[in-house]
Amino acid sequence: KEPVKKFEKSALILPVLVFLGSGIIDASLKYIQEIH
């Protein structure tokens, strides 16, 4: 959406963690469903 909120570069760690966490959840669902 425009305009994008201005933020400090150090705060980018939060969306990176969200990206990794969300991806791990989906991948884990598939792994547990596939194996167990």
All heavy atoms as atom14 arrays in JSON, in Angstrom:
{
  "sequence": "KEPVKKFEKSALILPVLVFLGSGIIDASLKYIQEIH",
  "atom14_mask": [
    [1, 1, 1, 1, 1, 1, 1, 1, 1, 0, 0, 0, 0, 0],
    [1, 1, 1, 1, 1, 1, 1, 1, 1, 0, 0, 0, 0, 0],
    [1, 1, 1, 1, 1, 1, 1, 0, 0, 0, 0, 0, 0, 0],
    [1, 1, 1, 1, 1, 1, 1, 0, 0, 0, 0, 0, 0, 0],
    [1, 1, 1, 1, 1, 1, 1, 1, 1, 0, 0, 0, 0, 0],
    [1, 1, 1, 1, 1, 1, 1, 1, 1, 0, 0, 0, 0, 0],
    [1, 1, 1, 1, 1, 1, 1, 1, 1, 1, 1, 0, 0, 0],
    [1, 1, 1, 1, 1, 1, 1, 1, 1, 0, 0, 0, 0, 0],
    [1, 1, 1, 1, 1, 1, 1, 1, 1, 0, 0, 0, 0, 0],
    [1, 1, 1, 1, 1, 1, 0, 0, 0, 0, 0, 0, 0, 0],
    [1, 1, 1, 1, 1, 0, 0, 0, 0, 0, 0, 0, 0, 0],
    [1, 1, 1, 1, 1, 1, 1, 1, 0, 0, 0, 0, 0, 0],
    [1, 1, 1, 1, 1, 1, 1, 1, 0, 0, 0, 0, 0, 0],
    [1, 1, 1, 1, 1, 1, 1, 1, 0, 0, 0, 0, 0, 0],
    [1, 1, 1, 1, 1, 1, 1, 0, 0, 0, 0, 0, 0, 0],
    [1, 1, 1, 1, 1, 1, 1, 0, 0, 0, 0, 0, 0, 0],
    [1, 1, 1, 1, 1, 1, 1, 1, 0, 0, 0, 0, 0, 0],
    [1, 1, 1, 1, 1, 1, 1, 0, 0, 0, 0, 0, 0, 0],
    [1, 1, 1, 1, 1, 1, 1, 1, 1, 1, 1, 0, 0, 0],
    [1, 1, 1, 1, 1, 1, 1, 1, 0, 0, 0, 0, 0, 0],
    [1, 1, 1, 1, 0, 0, 0, 0, 0, 0, 0, 0, 0, 0],
    [1, 1, 1, 1, 1, 1, 0, 0, 0, 0, 0, 0, 0, 0],
    [1, 1, 1, 1, 0, 0, 0, 0, 0, 0, 0, 0, 0, 0],
    [1, 1, 1, 1, 1, 1, 1, 1, 0, 0, 0, 0, 0, 0],
    [1, 1, 1, 1, 1, 1, 1, 1, 0, 0, 0, 0, 0, 0],
    [1, 1, 1, 1, 1, 1, 1, 1, 0, 0, 0, 0, 0, 0],
    [1, 1, 1, 1, 1, 0, 0, 0, 0, 0, 0, 0, 0, 0],
    [1, 1, 1, 1, 1, 1, 0, 0, 0, 0, 0, 0, 0, 0],
    [1, 1, 1, 1, 1, 1, 1, 1, 0, 0, 0, 0, 0, 0],
    [1, 1, 1, 1, 1, 1, 1, 1, 1, 0, 0, 0, 0, 0],
    [1, 1, 1, 1, 1, 1, 1, 1, 1, 1, 1, 1, 0, 0],
    [1, 1, 1, 1, 1, 1, 1, 1, 0, 0, 0, 0, 0, 0],
    [1, 1, 1, 1, 1, 1, 1, 1, 1, 0, 0, 0, 0, 0],
    [1, 1, 1, 1, 1, 1, 1, 1, 1, 0, 0, 0, 0, 0],
    [1, 1, 1, 1, 1, 1, 1, 1, 0, 0, 0, 0, 0, 0],
    [1, 1, 1, 1, 1, 1, 1, 1, 1, 1, 0, 0, 0, 0]
  ],
  "atom14_positions": [
    [[0.85, -1.19, 0.0], [0.0, 0.0, 0.0], [0.88, 1.24, 0.0], [2.01, 1.22, 0.46], [-0.91, 0.03, 1.24], [-1.75, -1.22, 1.42], [-2.75, -1.42, 0.33], [-3.54, -2.7, 0.56], [-4.36, -3.09, -0.59], [0.0, 0.0, 0.0], [0.0, 0.0, 0.0], [0.0, 0.0, 0.0], [0.0, 0.0, 0.0], [0.0, 0.0, 0.0]],
    [[0.35, 2.31, -0.53], [1.11, 3.55, -0.58], [0.44, 4.59, 0.31], [-0.79, 4.71, 0.32], [1.18, 4.06, -2.02], [1.91, 3.09, -2.95], [1.87, 3.53, -4.41], [1.08, 4.47, -4.73], [2.6, 2.96, -5.21], [0.0, 0.0, 0.0], [0.0, 0.0, 0.0], [0.0, 0.0, 0.0], [0.0, 0.0, 0.0], [0.0, 0.0, 0.0]],
    [[1.23, 5.43, 1.03], [2.69, 5.35, 1.11], [3.14, 4.29, 2.12], [2.43, 4.01, 3.06], [3.07, 6.75, 1.59], [1.91, 7.17, 2.43], [0.68, 6.57, 1.77], [0.0, 0.0, 0.0], [0.0, 0.0, 0.0], [0.0, 0.0, 0.0], [0.0, 0.0, 0.0], [0.0, 0.0, 0.0], [0.0, 0.0, 0.0], [0.0, 0.0, 0.0]],
    [[4.32, 3.74, 1.89], [4.88, 2.76, 2.82], [5.44, 3.49, 4.03], [6.11, 4.51, 3.9], [5.99, 1.92, 2.14], [6.61, 0.95, 3.13], [5.41, 1.18, 0.94], [0.0, 0.0, 0.0], [0.0, 0.0, 0.0], [0.0, 0.0, 0.0], [0.0, 0.0, 0.0], [0.0, 0.0, 0.0], [0.0, 0.0, 0.0], [0.0, 0.0, 0.0]],
    [[5.16, 2.96, 5.21], [5.62, 3.59, 6.45], [7.14, 3.62, 6.51], [7.81, 2.65, 6.18], [5.07, 2.81, 7.65], [5.44, 3.39, 9.0], [4.79, 2.57, 10.12], [5.16, 3.09, 11.48], [4.52, 2.31, 12.57], [0.0, 0.0, 0.0], [0.0, 0.0, 0.0], [0.0, 0.0, 0.0], [0.0, 0.0, 0.0], [0.0, 0.0, 0.0]],
    [[7.71, 4.77, 6.91], [9.15, 4.89, 7.07], [9.59, 4.2, 8.36], [8.9, 4.27, 9.36], [9.56, 6.37, 7.1], [9.32, 7.09, 5.77], [9.79, 8.53, 5.85], [9.57, 9.24, 4.52], [10.01, 10.66, 4.57], [0.0, 0.0, 0.0], [0.0, 0.0, 0.0], [0.0, 0.0, 0.0], [0.0, 0.0, 0.0], [0.0, 0.0, 0.0]],
    [[10.73, 3.54, 8.29], [11.21, 2.82, 9.47], [12.73, 2.7, 9.43], [13.35, 2.89, 8.38], [10.59, 1.41, 9.54], [10.79, 0.6, 8.29], [11.94, -0.16, 8.1], [9.82, 0.6, 7.29], [12.13, -0.91, 6.95], [10.01, -0.15, 6.13], [11.16, -0.9, 5.97], [0.0, 0.0, 0.0], [0.0, 0.0, 0.0], [0.0, 0.0, 0.0]],
    [[13.32, 2.43, 10.59], [14.76, 2.24, 10.67], [15.14, 0.88, 10.08], [14.41, -0.1, 10.22], [15.22, 2.32, 12.13], [15.0, 3.68, 12.76], [15.45, 3.7, 14.21], [16.02, 2.69, 14.68], [15.25, 4.73, 14.87], [0.0, 0.0, 0.0], [0.0, 0.0, 0.0], [0.0, 0.0, 0.0], [0.0, 0.0, 0.0], [0.0, 0.0, 0.0]],
    [[16.28, 0.82, 9.43], [16.71, -0.43, 8.8], [16.86, -1.56, 9.81], [16.66, -2.73, 9.47], [18.03, -0.21, 8.06], [17.88, 0.65, 6.8], [19.19, 0.76, 6.04], [19.0, 1.58, 4.76], [20.27, 1.7, 4.0], [0.0, 0.0, 0.0], [0.0, 0.0, 0.0], [0.0, 0.0, 0.0], [0.0, 0.0, 0.0], [0.0, 0.0, 0.0]],
    [[17.21, -1.21, 11.04], [17.38, -2.24, 12.08], [16.07, -2.97, 12.37], [16.07, -4.11, 12.84], [17.91, -1.61, 13.37], [17.01, -0.61, 13.85], [0.0, 0.0, 0.0], [0.0, 0.0, 0.0], [0.0, 0.0, 0.0], [0.0, 0.0, 0.0], [0.0, 0.0, 0.0], [0.0, 0.0, 0.0], [0.0, 0.0, 0.0], [0.0, 0.0, 0.0]],
    [[14.94, -2.31, 12.07], [13.63, -2.91, 12.33], [13.29, -3.99, 11.31], [12.32, -4.73, 11.49], [12.54, -1.83, 12.33], [0.0, 0.0, 0.0], [0.0, 0.0, 0.0], [0.0, 0.0, 0.0], [0.0, 0.0, 0.0], [0.0, 0.0, 0.0], [0.0, 0.0, 0.0], [0.0, 0.0, 0.0], [0.0, 0.0, 0.0], [0.0, 0.0, 0.0]],
    [[14.09, -4.11, 10.24], [13.82, -5.11, 9.21], [13.94, -6.53, 9.74], [13.43, -7.46, 9.12], [14.79, -4.93, 8.03], [14.44, -3.83, 7.03], [15.56, -3.65, 6.02], [13.13, -4.14, 6.31], [0.0, 0.0, 0.0], [0.0, 0.0, 0.0], [0.0, 0.0, 0.0], [0.0, 0.0, 0.0], [0.0, 0.0, 0.0], [0.0, 0.0, 0.0]],
    [[14.59, -6.7, 10.89], [14.71, -8.03, 11.48], [13.33, -8.62, 11.78], [13.13, -9.84, 11.7], [15.57, -7.99, 12.77], [15.85, -9.4, 13.29], [14.92, -7.14, 13.84], [16.67, -10.25, 12.38], [0.0, 0.0, 0.0], [0.0, 0.0, 0.0], [0.0, 0.0, 0.0], [0.0, 0.0, 0.0], [0.0, 0.0, 0.0], [0.0, 0.0, 0.0]],
    [[12.35, -7.77, 12.1], [11.01, -8.25, 12.44], [10.31, -8.9, 11.25], [9.87, -10.05, 11.36], [10.18, -7.11, 13.02], [10.59, -6.64, 14.42], [9.85, -5.37, 14.8], [10.33, -7.73, 15.45], [0.0, 0.0, 0.0], [0.0, 0.0, 0.0], [0.0, 0.0, 0.0], [0.0, 0.0, 0.0], [0.0, 0.0, 0.0], [0.0, 0.0, 0.0]],
    [[10.19, -8.22, 10.08], [9.57, -8.91, 8.94], [10.36, -10.12, 8.47], [9.79, -11.08, 7.94], [9.48, -7.83, 7.86], [10.4, -6.76, 8.28], [10.45, -6.8, 9.78], [0.0, 0.0, 0.0], [0.0, 0.0, 0.0], [0.0, 0.0, 0.0], [0.0, 0.0, 0.0], [0.0, 0.0, 0.0], [0.0, 0.0, 0.0], [0.0, 0.0, 0.0]],
    [[11.69, -10.09, 8.65], [12.5, -11.27, 8.29], [12.12, -12.46, 9.18], [11.95, -13.58, 8.69], [14.01, -10.95, 8.44], [14.83, -12.24, 8.33], [14.46, -9.98, 7.37], [0.0, 0.0, 0.0], [0.0, 0.0, 0.0], [0.0, 0.0, 0.0], [0.0, 0.0, 0.0], [0.0, 0.0, 0.0], [0.0, 0.0, 0.0], [0.0, 0.0, 0.0]],
    [[11.95, -12.21, 10.48], [11.54, -13.27, 11.4], [10.12, -13.75, 11.08], [9.84, -14.95, 11.19], [11.62, -12.77, 12.85], [13.02, -12.55, 13.41], [12.96, -11.91, 14.79], [13.81, -13.86, 13.47], [0.0, 0.0, 0.0], [0.0, 0.0, 0.0], [0.0, 0.0, 0.0], [0.0, 0.0, 0.0], [0.0, 0.0, 0.0], [0.0, 0.0, 0.0]],
    [[9.24, -12.83, 10.7], [7.88, -13.21, 10.3], [7.92, -14.09, 9.06], [7.23, -15.12, 8.98], [7.02, -11.95, 10.02], [5.71, -12.34, 9.33], [6.72, -11.21, 11.32], [0.0, 0.0, 0.0], [0.0, 0.0, 0.0], [0.0, 0.0, 0.0], [0.0, 0.0, 0.0], [0.0, 0.0, 0.0], [0.0, 0.0, 0.0], [0.0, 0.0, 0.0]],
    [[8.75, -13.71, 8.08], [8.92, -14.49, 6.85], [9.39, -15.9, 7.18], [8.81, -16.89, 6.7], [9.93, -13.77, 5.96], [10.36, -14.55, 4.74], [9.59, -14.55, 3.59], [11.54, -15.3, 4.75], [9.98, -15.27, 2.46], [11.93, -16.02, 3.63], [11.15, -16.0, 2.49], [0.0, 0.0, 0.0], [0.0, 0.0, 0.0], [0.0, 0.0, 0.0]],
    [[10.44, -16.01, 7.99], [10.99, -17.32, 8.34], [10.01, -18.14, 9.18], [9.81, -19.33, 8.92], [12.31, -17.15, 9.11], [13.49, -16.57, 8.32], [14.66, -16.29, 9.25], [13.89, -17.51, 7.2], [0.0, 0.0, 0.0], [0.0, 0.0, 0.0], [0.0, 0.0, 0.0], [0.0, 0.0, 0.0], [0.0, 0.0, 0.0], [0.0, 0.0, 0.0]],
    [[9.37, -17.49, 10.17], [8.43, -18.19, 11.04], [7.23, -18.73, 10.29], [6.83, -19.89, 10.47], [0.0, 0.0, 0.0], [0.0, 0.0, 0.0], [0.0, 0.0, 0.0], [0.0, 0.0, 0.0], [0.0, 0.0, 0.0], [0.0, 0.0, 0.0], [0.0, 0.0, 0.0], [0.0, 0.0, 0.0], [0.0, 0.0, 0.0], [0.0, 0.0, 0.0]],
    [[6.65, -17.91, 9.42], [5.48, -18.33, 8.64], [5.85, -19.48, 7.7], [5.08, -20.44, 7.54], [4.93, -17.15, 7.83], [4.52, -16.1, 8.67], [0.0, 0.0, 0.0], [0.0, 0.0, 0.0], [0.0, 0.0, 0.0], [0.0, 0.0, 0.0], [0.0, 0.0, 0.0], [0.0, 0.0, 0.0], [0.0, 0.0, 0.0], [0.0, 0.0, 0.0]],
    [[7.02, -19.36, 7.07], [7.46, -20.42, 6.16], [7.74, -21.73, 6.88], [7.4, -22.81, 6.39], [0.0, 0.0, 0.0], [0.0, 0.0, 0.0], [0.0, 0.0, 0.0], [0.0, 0.0, 0.0], [0.0, 0.0, 0.0], [0.0, 0.0, 0.0], [0.0, 0.0, 0.0], [0.0, 0.0, 0.0], [0.0, 0.0, 0.0], [0.0, 0.0, 0.0]],
    [[8.33, -21.63, 8.07], [8.62, -22.84, 8.87], [7.32, -23.51, 9.31], [7.22, -24.75, 9.31], [9.48, -22.47, 10.1], [10.89, -22.1, 9.64], [9.54, -23.62, 11.1], [11.76, -21.5, 10.73], [0.0, 0.0, 0.0], [0.0, 0.0, 0.0], [0.0, 0.0, 0.0], [0.0, 0.0, 0.0], [0.0, 0.0, 0.0], [0.0, 0.0, 0.0]],
    [[6.31, -22.73, 9.66], [5.01, -23.3, 10.06], [4.42, -24.11, 8.91], [3.99, -25.26, 9.09], [4.03, -22.19, 10.5], [4.42, -21.67, 11.88], [2.59, -22.71, 10.52], [3.61, -20.48, 12.34], [0.0, 0.0, 0.0], [0.0, 0.0, 0.0], [0.0, 0.0, 0.0], [0.0, 0.0, 0.0], [0.0, 0.0, 0.0], [0.0, 0.0, 0.0]],
    [[4.38, -23.53, 7.7], [3.82, -24.23, 6.54], [4.62, -25.48, 6.21], [4.05, -26.55, 5.94], [3.79, -23.29, 5.33], [2.64, -22.3, 5.4], [1.72, -22.5, 6.23], [2.65, -21.32, 4.64], [0.0, 0.0, 0.0], [0.0, 0.0, 0.0], [0.0, 0.0, 0.0], [0.0, 0.0, 0.0], [0.0, 0.0, 0.0], [0.0, 0.0, 0.0]],
    [[5.95, -25.35, 6.23], [6.8, -26.5, 5.91], [6.65, -27.6, 6.96], [6.64, -28.79, 6.63], [8.27, -26.05, 5.82], [0.0, 0.0, 0.0], [0.0, 0.0, 0.0], [0.0, 0.0, 0.0], [0.0, 0.0, 0.0], [0.0, 0.0, 0.0], [0.0, 0.0, 0.0], [0.0, 0.0, 0.0], [0.0, 0.0, 0.0], [0.0, 0.0, 0.0]],
    [[6.51, -27.21, 8.22], [6.34, -28.19, 9.3], [5.01, -28.92, 9.18], [4.94, -30.13, 9.43], [6.42, -27.49, 10.67], [7.68, -26.87, 10.84], [0.0, 0.0, 0.0], [0.0, 0.0, 0.0], [0.0, 0.0, 0.0], [0.0, 0.0, 0.0], [0.0, 0.0, 0.0], [0.0, 0.0, 0.0], [0.0, 0.0, 0.0], [0.0, 0.0, 0.0]],
    [[3.97, -28.19, 8.82], [2.66, -28.82, 8.6], [2.77, -29.92, 7.55], [2.25, -31.02, 7.73], [1.63, -27.78, 8.16], [0.93, -26.97, 9.24], [0.06, -25.9, 8.6], [0.09, -27.86, 10.13], [0.0, 0.0, 0.0], [0.0, 0.0, 0.0], [0.0, 0.0, 0.0], [0.0, 0.0, 0.0], [0.0, 0.0, 0.0], [0.0, 0.0, 0.0]],
    [[3.46, -29.61, 6.46], [3.63, -30.59, 5.39], [4.44, -31.79, 5.86], [4.08, -32.94, 5.59], [4.31, -29.93, 4.18], [4.74, -30.91, 3.09], [3.56, -31.69, 2.52], [4.03, -32.72, 1.49], [2.93, -33.59, 1.03], [0.0, 0.0, 0.0], [0.0, 0.0, 0.0], [0.0, 0.0, 0.0], [0.0, 0.0, 0.0], [0.0, 0.0, 0.0]],
    [[5.52, -31.52, 6.6], [6.39, -32.62, 7.06], [5.65, -33.56, 8.0], [5.69, -34.78, 7.83], [7.63, -32.04, 7.76], [8.51, -33.12, 8.34], [9.36, -33.86, 7.53], [8.48, -33.41, 9.71], [10.16, -34.87, 8.06], [9.28, -34.4, 10.24], [10.12, -35.13, 9.42], [10.9, -36.13, 9.95], [0.0, 0.0, 0.0], [0.0, 0.0, 0.0]],
    [[4.97, -32.98, 9.0], [4.25, -33.81, 9.98], [3.13, -34.58, 9.3], [2.89, -35.75, 9.56], [3.7, -32.94, 11.12], [4.87, -32.31, 11.9], [2.85, -33.78, 12.08], [4.45, -31.29, 12.93], [0.0, 0.0, 0.0], [0.0, 0.0, 0.0], [0.0, 0.0, 0.0], [0.0, 0.0, 0.0], [0.0, 0.0, 0.0], [0.0, 0.0, 0.0]],
    [[2.43, -33.89, 8.38], [1.33, -34.53, 7.66], [1.83, -35.67, 6.78], [1.22, -36.74, 6.68], [0.6, -33.48, 6.81], [-0.53, -34.01, 5.96], [-0.11, -34.21, 4.5], [1.01, -33.92, 4.11], [-1.02, -34.75, 3.73], [0.0, 0.0, 0.0], [0.0, 0.0, 0.0], [0.0, 0.0, 0.0], [0.0, 0.0, 0.0], [0.0, 0.0, 0.0]],
    [[2.99, -35.47, 6.15], [3.55, -36.45, 5.22], [4.1, -37.68, 5.95], [3.91, -38.81, 5.5], [4.69, -35.79, 4.42], [5.34, -36.69, 3.4], [4.55, -36.81, 2.12], [3.69, -35.96, 1.85], [4.78, -37.79, 1.4], [0.0, 0.0, 0.0], [0.0, 0.0, 0.0], [0.0, 0.0, 0.0], [0.0, 0.0, 0.0], [0.0, 0.0, 0.0]],
    [[4.74, -37.44, 7.08], [5.48, -38.51, 7.76], [4.65, -39.25, 8.81], [4.72, -40.46, 8.93], [6.77, -37.96, 8.42], [7.64, -37.24, 7.38], [7.55, -39.07, 9.11], [8.11, -38.11, 6.25], [0.0, 0.0, 0.0], [0.0, 0.0, 0.0], [0.0, 0.0, 0.0], [0.0, 0.0, 0.0], [0.0, 0.0, 0.0], [0.0, 0.0, 0.0]],
    [[3.83, -38.51, 9.57], [3.29, -39.08, 10.8], [1.77, -39.24, 10.87], [1.29, -40.05, 11.64], [3.71, -38.2, 11.99], [5.19, -38.23, 12.25], [5.89, -39.37, 12.55], [6.09, -37.21, 12.25], [7.16, -39.07, 12.73], [7.32, -37.77, 12.55], [0.0, 0.0, 0.0], [0.0, 0.0, 0.0], [0.0, 0.0, 0.0], [0.0, 0.0, 0.0]]
  ]
}
